[in-house]
């Protein structure tokens, strides 16, 4: 098999993959604009993370294994929700929310990478909007369901805050 046959096979499989992708998005009722926006933001976030990894001389293999893989896997979250929305039409609003939160989280990640590069400070902590929202939701549920373990953790947090303020 020479190079022209291999390149033709790659082109054929690539066009088949794109056709399948567009058929799935059309079947699920997902707007192509949302998918393009998410892909663009994921690509730019990956590029910014790659530049940050190289400039701080971090492990490139860890970046590829964890960051790029997590971005690729999180791309499928709205599609999974959209499959569920095919059977329950009321879930379609969550598909839009999934896209919005993923785009927002990645934009925040891009801004943090840019700030790290600008200040040359590796210690800027990334704010994970997803875990932050889950934590707030857990605290809300614990408050209303009166879960003892989480309430104690909240009391310890309040004690620390009052000690810091000097009260």
Protein backbone atom coordinates (compact mmCIF):
# COMPACT_ATOMS: atom_id res chain seq x y z
CA UNK A 1 0.00 0.00 0.00
CA UNK A 2 1.63 3.22 -1.12
CA UNK A 3 1.17 6.71 0.30
CA UNK A 4 -1.64 7.75 -2.06
CA UNK A 5 -3.72 4.70 -1.12
CA UNK A 6 -3.20 5.37 2.60
CA UNK A 7 -4.08 9.04 2.24
CA UNK A 8 -7.22 8.13 0.30
CA UNK A 9 -8.21 5.70 3.05
CA UNK A 10 -7.66 8.38 5.71
CA UNK A 11 -9.71 10.91 3.73
CA UNK A 12 -12.50 8.40 3.21
CA UNK A 13 -12.62 7.41 6.90
CA UNK A 14 -12.42 11.07 7.99
CA UNK A 15 -15.31 12.12 5.78
CA UNK A 16 -17.31 9.12 7.01
CA UNK A 17 -16.58 10.13 10.61
CA UNK A 18 -17.69 13.72 9.96
CA UNK A 19 -20.88 12.53 8.25
CA UNK A 20 -21.62 10.28 11.23
CA UNK A 21 -20.93 13.14 13.66
CA UNK A 22 -23.30 15.51 11.86
CA UNK A 23 -25.99 12.83 11.62
CA UNK A 24 -25.77 12.21 15.37
CA UNK A 25 -25.99 15.94 16.20
CA UNK A 26 -28.97 16.31 13.88
CA UNK A 27 -30.67 13.24 15.38
CA UNK A 28 -30.12 14.52 18.91
CA UNK A 29 -31.32 18.02 18.04
CA UNK A 30 -28.11 19.69 19.13
CA UNK A 31 -27.26 23.03 17.55
CA UNK A 32 -24.08 22.91 15.50
CA UNK A 33 -23.19 26.39 16.77
CA UNK A 34 -22.98 25.06 20.34
CA UNK A 35 -20.80 22.16 19.23
CA UNK A 36 -18.52 24.48 17.24
CA UNK A 37 -18.23 26.90 20.15
CA UNK A 38 -17.39 24.09 22.57
CA UNK A 39 -14.83 22.56 20.20
CA UNK A 40 -13.22 25.98 19.63
CA UNK A 41 -13.03 26.73 23.35
CA UNK A 42 -11.68 23.23 24.11
CA UNK A 43 -9.06 23.62 21.38
CA UNK A 44 -7.97 27.04 22.61
CA UNK A 45 -7.92 25.83 26.22
CA UNK A 46 -5.79 22.85 25.24
CA UNK A 47 -3.42 25.12 23.33
CA UNK A 48 -3.13 27.52 26.29
CA UNK A 49 -2.51 24.57 28.62
CA UNK A 50 0.13 23.22 26.24
CA UNK A 51 1.94 26.58 26.19
CA UNK A 52 1.72 26.75 29.99
CA UNK A 53 3.08 23.21 30.31
CA UNK A 54 6.02 23.95 28.05
CA UNK A 55 6.84 27.35 29.59
CA UNK A 56 6.84 26.01 33.16
CA UNK A 57 8.72 22.85 32.09
CA UNK A 58 6.02 20.57 33.47
CA UNK A 59 5.54 16.96 32.45
CA UNK A 60 4.18 16.92 28.90
CA UNK A 61 3.10 13.30 29.14
CA UNK A 62 0.93 14.06 32.18
CA UNK A 63 -0.61 16.99 30.30
CA UNK A 64 -1.54 14.81 27.34
CA UNK A 65 -2.75 11.92 29.49
CA UNK A 66 -4.88 13.92 31.90
CA UNK A 67 -5.78 17.35 30.54
CA UNK A 68 -6.40 16.47 26.91
CA UNK A 69 -8.15 13.21 27.80
CA UNK A 70 -10.41 14.94 30.33
CA UNK A 71 -11.32 17.61 27.77
CA UNK A 72 -12.15 14.96 25.19
CA UNK A 73 -14.25 12.98 27.65
CA UNK A 74 -16.09 16.04 28.95
CA UNK A 75 -17.04 16.84 25.36
CA UNK A 76 -19.35 13.81 25.45
CA UNK A 77 -21.33 14.97 28.53
CA UNK A 78 -23.87 17.06 26.56
CA UNK A 79 -24.29 14.23 24.07
CA UNK A 80 -25.11 11.76 26.84
CA UNK A 81 -27.66 14.19 28.27
CA UNK A 82 -29.08 14.68 24.75
CA UNK A 83 -29.54 10.92 24.39
CA UNK A 84 -31.54 10.98 27.62
CA UNK A 85 -33.50 13.96 26.35
CA UNK A 86 -34.61 11.94 23.32
CA UNK A 87 -36.81 9.88 25.65
CA UNK A 88 -37.67 12.72 28.07
CA UNK A 89 -38.13 15.96 26.08
CA UNK A 90 -38.07 18.13 29.21
CA UNK A 91 -34.33 17.36 29.56
CA UNK A 92 -33.43 19.37 26.45
CA UNK A 93 -32.94 22.46 28.60
CA UNK A 94 -30.16 20.58 30.44
CA UNK A 95 -28.38 20.00 27.14
CA UNK A 96 -28.08 23.77 26.71
CA UNK A 97 -26.93 24.11 30.32
CA UNK A 98 -24.29 21.43 29.83
CA UNK A 99 -22.87 23.27 26.85
CA UNK A 100 -23.01 26.59 28.69
CA UNK A 101 -21.27 25.31 31.82
CA UNK A 102 -18.58 23.50 29.85
CA UNK A 103 -17.88 26.60 27.77
CA UNK A 104 -17.86 28.82 30.86
CA UNK A 105 -15.52 26.47 32.74
CA UNK A 106 -13.10 26.26 29.86
CA UNK A 107 -13.07 30.04 29.37
CA UNK A 108 -12.22 30.36 33.07
CA UNK A 109 -9.45 27.79 32.60
CA UNK A 110 -8.07 29.77 29.65
CA UNK A 111 -8.05 32.99 31.69
CA UNK A 112 -6.22 31.28 34.55
CA UNK A 113 -3.61 29.86 32.14
CA UNK A 114 -3.08 33.31 30.65
CA UNK A 115 -2.75 34.84 34.13
CA UNK A 116 -0.22 32.17 35.13
CA UNK A 117 1.84 32.87 32.03
CA UNK A 118 1.58 36.64 32.45
CA UNK A 119 2.68 36.65 36.10
CA UNK A 120 4.98 33.61 35.78
CA UNK A 121 3.29 32.25 38.91
CA UNK A 122 2.59 28.51 38.94
CA UNK A 123 0.78 28.72 42.29
CA UNK A 124 -2.42 30.34 41.00
CA UNK A 125 -5.10 27.84 41.87
CA UNK A 126 -7.60 26.91 39.23
CA UNK A 127 -11.18 27.39 40.28
CA UNK A 128 -13.08 24.32 39.24
CA UNK A 129 -16.56 25.65 38.62
CA UNK A 130 -18.06 22.17 38.50
CA UNK A 131 -16.76 21.05 41.89
CA UNK A 132 -17.60 24.45 43.35
CA UNK A 133 -21.21 24.08 42.21
CA UNK A 134 -21.40 20.52 43.53
CA UNK A 135 -20.04 21.71 46.90
CA UNK A 136 -22.62 24.51 47.08
CA UNK A 137 -25.38 22.05 46.15
CA UNK A 138 -24.20 19.60 48.85
CA UNK A 139 -24.18 22.36 51.45
CA UNK A 140 -27.66 23.45 50.38
CA UNK A 141 -28.99 19.89 50.64
CA UNK A 142 -27.24 19.30 53.96
CA UNK A 143 -28.73 22.47 55.37
CA UNK A 144 -32.26 21.49 54.38
CA UNK A 145 -31.96 17.76 55.06
CA UNK A 146 -30.03 18.34 58.30
CA UNK A 147 -27.18 15.96 57.58
CA UNK A 148 -24.99 15.90 60.66
CA UNK A 149 -21.59 15.25 59.03
CA UNK A 150 -21.81 18.16 56.61
CA UNK A 151 -23.24 20.47 59.28
CA UNK A 152 -20.23 19.73 61.51
CA UNK A 153 -17.90 20.49 58.64
CA UNK A 154 -19.76 23.77 58.10
CA UNK A 155 -19.48 24.64 61.80
CA UNK A 156 -15.74 23.99 61.71
CA UNK A 157 -15.51 26.25 58.68
CA UNK A 158 -17.42 29.00 60.50
CA UNK A 159 -15.11 28.58 63.53
CA UNK A 160 -12.06 28.99 61.27
CA UNK A 161 -13.52 32.09 59.66
CA UNK A 162 -14.23 33.67 63.03
CA UNK A 163 -10.71 32.86 64.26
CA UNK A 164 -9.21 34.47 61.19
CA UNK A 165 -11.24 37.65 61.71
CA UNK A 166 -10.20 37.71 65.36
CA UNK A 167 -13.71 37.47 66.77
